[in-house]
Protein backbone atom coordinates (compact mmCIF):
# COMPACT_ATOMS: atom_id res chain seq x y z
CA MET A 1 -21.02 -16.99 -3.23
CA ASN A 2 -22.50 -13.52 -3.10
CA ARG A 3 -20.33 -10.39 -3.26
CA SER A 4 -20.13 -10.01 0.52
CA GLU A 5 -18.93 -13.59 0.96
CA GLN A 6 -16.37 -13.11 -1.81
CA MET A 7 -14.99 -9.97 -0.17
CA ALA A 8 -14.87 -11.66 3.24
CA ALA A 9 -12.70 -14.40 1.71
CA VAL A 10 -10.00 -11.91 0.62
CA PRO A 11 -7.12 -12.35 3.08
CA GLN A 12 -5.98 -9.33 5.07
CA ALA A 13 -2.84 -10.94 6.47
CA HIS A 14 -0.43 -13.64 5.31
CA THR A 15 -0.96 -12.82 1.65
CA ARG A 16 1.23 -14.41 -1.02
CA PRO A 17 3.39 -11.29 -1.52
CA GLU A 18 3.76 -10.87 2.25
CA LEU A 19 4.78 -14.52 2.74
CA ALA A 20 7.36 -14.33 -0.08
CA LEU A 21 8.85 -11.16 1.36
CA ARG A 22 8.94 -12.55 4.90
CA LYS A 23 10.82 -15.61 3.67
CA ALA A 24 13.39 -13.48 1.82
CA LEU A 25 13.89 -11.17 4.81
CA TRP A 26 14.34 -14.14 7.14
CA GLN A 27 16.98 -15.59 4.79
CA LEU A 28 18.86 -12.28 5.05
CA GLY A 29 18.88 -12.57 8.84
CA LEU A 30 16.27 -9.89 9.60
CA ARG A 31 14.08 -10.78 12.55
CA TYR A 32 10.65 -9.26 12.94
CA ARG A 33 7.31 -9.57 14.67
CA LEU A 34 4.16 -10.25 12.66
CA HIS A 35 1.16 -7.93 12.90
CA LEU A 36 2.24 -6.56 16.27
CA ARG A 37 -0.22 -3.98 17.56
CA LEU A 38 1.29 -0.50 17.91
CA GLY A 39 -1.55 1.44 19.46
CA LYS A 40 -4.44 0.87 17.04
CA ILE A 41 -2.16 0.07 14.10
CA ARG A 42 -1.05 -3.41 12.99
CA PRO A 43 1.80 -3.25 10.47
CA ASP A 44 2.56 -6.41 8.48
CA LEU A 45 6.09 -6.62 9.93
CA VAL A 46 7.61 -4.84 12.92
CA PHE A 47 11.38 -4.61 13.42
CA LEU A 48 11.64 -3.78 17.12
CA GLY A 49 15.37 -2.99 17.45
CA PRO A 50 15.62 -0.39 14.68
CA ARG A 51 12.01 0.76 15.31
CA ALA A 52 10.87 0.18 11.74
CA VAL A 53 7.59 -1.14 10.38
CA LEU A 54 6.73 -2.58 6.98
CA PHE A 55 3.42 -2.57 5.13
CA VAL A 56 2.87 -4.64 1.98
CA ASP A 57 0.08 -2.71 0.25
CA GLY A 58 -2.18 -4.38 -2.28
CA CYS A 59 -2.31 -2.49 -5.57
CA GLN A 60 -6.11 -2.50 -5.89
CA TRP A 61 -6.95 -1.75 -2.25
CA HIS A 62 -4.45 1.04 -1.67
CA GLY A 63 -4.48 2.93 -4.99
CA CYS A 64 -1.26 1.90 -6.74
CA PRO A 65 -0.48 4.50 -9.43
CA LEU A 66 0.62 1.71 -11.80
CA HIS A 67 -2.02 -0.97 -11.27
CA TYR A 68 -5.19 0.49 -9.76
CA SER A 69 -8.21 -0.17 -11.93
CA ARG A 70 -11.49 1.65 -11.30
CA PRO A 71 -14.29 -0.89 -10.80
CA ARG A 72 -17.24 -0.47 -13.14
CA THR A 73 -19.82 -1.90 -10.73
CA ASN A 74 -20.93 0.05 -7.68
CA PRO A 75 -18.47 2.92 -8.38
CA ASP A 76 -19.64 5.17 -5.53
CA PHE A 77 -19.03 2.48 -2.92
CA TRP A 78 -15.56 1.66 -4.27
CA ALA A 79 -14.60 5.33 -4.58
CA ALA A 80 -15.48 5.88 -0.91
CA LYS A 81 -13.66 2.67 0.06
CA LEU A 82 -10.49 3.73 -1.79
CA ALA A 83 -10.55 7.23 -0.27
CA ALA A 84 -11.01 5.76 3.23
CA ASN A 85 -8.13 3.29 2.70
CA VAL A 86 -5.78 6.02 1.48
CA GLU A 87 -6.75 8.30 4.37
CA ARG A 88 -6.14 5.44 6.84
CA ASP A 89 -2.72 4.79 5.22
CA ARG A 90 -1.87 8.49 5.60
CA ARG A 91 -3.01 8.63 9.22
CA GLN A 92 -1.13 5.43 10.14
CA THR A 93 2.07 6.59 8.41
CA LEU A 94 2.04 9.99 10.11
CA ASP A 95 1.11 8.56 13.53
CA LEU A 96 3.88 5.96 13.43
CA GLU A 97 6.49 8.43 12.19
CA GLY A 98 5.40 10.88 14.89
CA ALA A 99 5.98 8.14 17.48
CA GLY A 100 9.54 7.59 16.21
CA TRP A 101 8.99 4.62 13.91
CA ARG A 102 10.41 4.37 10.38
CA VAL A 103 7.58 3.44 8.02
CA ILE A 104 8.39 1.40 4.91
CA ARG A 105 5.62 0.74 2.40
CA VAL A 106 6.00 -1.55 -0.60
CA TRP A 107 3.50 -2.48 -3.28
CA GLU A 108 2.52 -6.09 -3.85
CA HIS A 109 3.83 -5.86 -7.43
CA GLU A 110 7.30 -4.96 -6.12
CA VAL A 111 7.63 -8.32 -4.38
CA ARG A 112 8.37 -10.15 -7.65
CA ASP A 113 12.14 -10.08 -7.08
CA ASP A 114 12.08 -11.02 -3.43
CA LEU A 115 15.82 -11.01 -2.65
CA ASP A 116 16.53 -7.63 -4.27
CA LEU A 117 13.57 -6.03 -2.51
CA ALA A 118 14.48 -7.75 0.75
CA ALA A 119 18.04 -6.42 0.50
CA TRP A 120 16.69 -2.91 -0.09
CA ILE A 121 14.34 -3.25 2.91
CA ALA A 122 17.23 -4.50 5.06
CA ARG A 123 19.23 -1.38 4.14
CA GLU A 124 16.21 0.85 4.86
CA VAL A 125 15.57 -0.79 8.24
CA GLU A 126 19.18 -0.44 9.38
CA ALA A 127 20.04 2.93 7.77
CA PRO A 128 19.91 6.18 9.72
CA VAL A 129 16.72 8.13 9.15
CA VAL A 130 17.13 10.85 6.54
CA ALA A 131 14.03 11.96 4.67
CA PRO A 132 11.17 9.53 4.13
CA PRO A 133 10.37 8.74 0.49
CA VAL A 134 7.33 10.03 -1.35
CA ALA A 135 4.35 7.67 -1.00
CA LEU A 136 1.94 8.37 -3.85
CA ARG A 137 -1.58 6.93 -3.91
CA ILE A 138 -4.56 7.23 -6.20
CA TRP A 139 -7.39 8.34 -3.95
CA ARG A 140 -10.17 9.06 -6.43
CA VAL A 141 -10.94 8.20 -10.04
CA GLU A 142 -13.61 9.91 -12.15
CA ALA A 143 -14.96 8.68 -15.46
CA LEU A 144 -14.68 11.47 -18.05
CA ASP A 145 -16.84 9.97 -20.77
CA GLU A 146 -20.19 8.23 -20.97
CA ALA A 147 -18.70 4.75 -21.51
CA GLY A 148 -16.19 5.21 -18.66
CA ASP A 149 -13.22 4.42 -20.90
CA PHE A 150 -11.37 7.68 -20.15
CA GLU A 151 -10.71 8.78 -16.58
CA ARG A 152 -9.13 11.41 -14.34
CA ARG A 153 -6.99 9.87 -11.58
CA HIS A 154 -6.42 12.07 -8.51
CA ILE A 155 -3.07 11.45 -6.78
CA VAL A 156 -1.99 12.31 -3.23
CA ASP A 157 1.14 11.78 -1.13
CA LEU A 158 0.66 10.08 2.25
CA ARG A 159 3.18 12.32 3.99
CA ASP A 160 2.40 15.68 2.35
CA SER A 161 -1.24 16.73 2.69
CA ASN A 162 -0.63 19.71 0.36
CA PHE A 163 0.45 17.51 -2.56
CA ARG A 164 -2.38 16.98 -5.05
CA ASP A 165 -2.01 16.01 -8.66
CA PHE A 166 -4.06 14.30 -11.33
CA GLU A 167 -3.63 12.60 -14.64
CA GLU A 168 -6.12 12.00 -17.41
CA ARG A 169 -5.77 8.77 -19.34
CA PRO A 170 -7.62 5.76 -20.72
CA ARG A 171 -9.14 3.51 -18.08
CA SER A 172 -6.61 1.13 -16.56
CA ARG A 173 -7.04 -2.51 -17.16
CA ARG A 174 -5.59 -4.44 -14.24
CA ARG A 175 -2.50 -6.25 -15.40
CA LYS A 176 -1.59 -9.65 -14.05
CA LEU A 177 1.19 -9.38 -11.52
C-alpha cells in the first residue's frame, strides 16, 4: 500500500479507545447518540438531555502534550496538518460551547482505565457547568538541531486564544499506549 492508501485506512470513527469508552459508559447507564451532526460538527458521543458532547482525541492527530511525536518524513505537510487539526478542535469547542453544549475532550491514552474515566465523564455530563477545563494541544514542533533530535514544542489552549507556551526538549519517541 502507498502512503495515501495507508492513511485512508486509518479509522475516523469507532476506534478501539472510543469503543471501550462507549461500552463503559453504557454499563454506567449513560445513553448517548453516536456521531450526531450538530451543525457541521460530529462529536464522537452526544448526550442530548444534559446537552454534552464527548470527543476522544487521538494523541498523534490532535497534538497530545504527552505522546505527540514529530514525524521525520514530510515535516511541512504534517506540521500544517497538525495546525489545521488543532485549529478545527478550537473552532468546534468554541462553537459548541457558544451554542450551550458542554464539551468534554479526552485523549486516547486516558481510556486505559475505562470504568474510572467513564465515571468521571458521567459526573462531568451531569454536573452543573462551572468553568471548562484547560485543553492544551501541541500545534507546532520545530527541530532545533541538524539531526532533528532536539525540538521546540509550541503549546496552545483550545479555549484561550491568548495562551501560548513552548517547551524545548529531546524529540519525543511515541510510546506504546
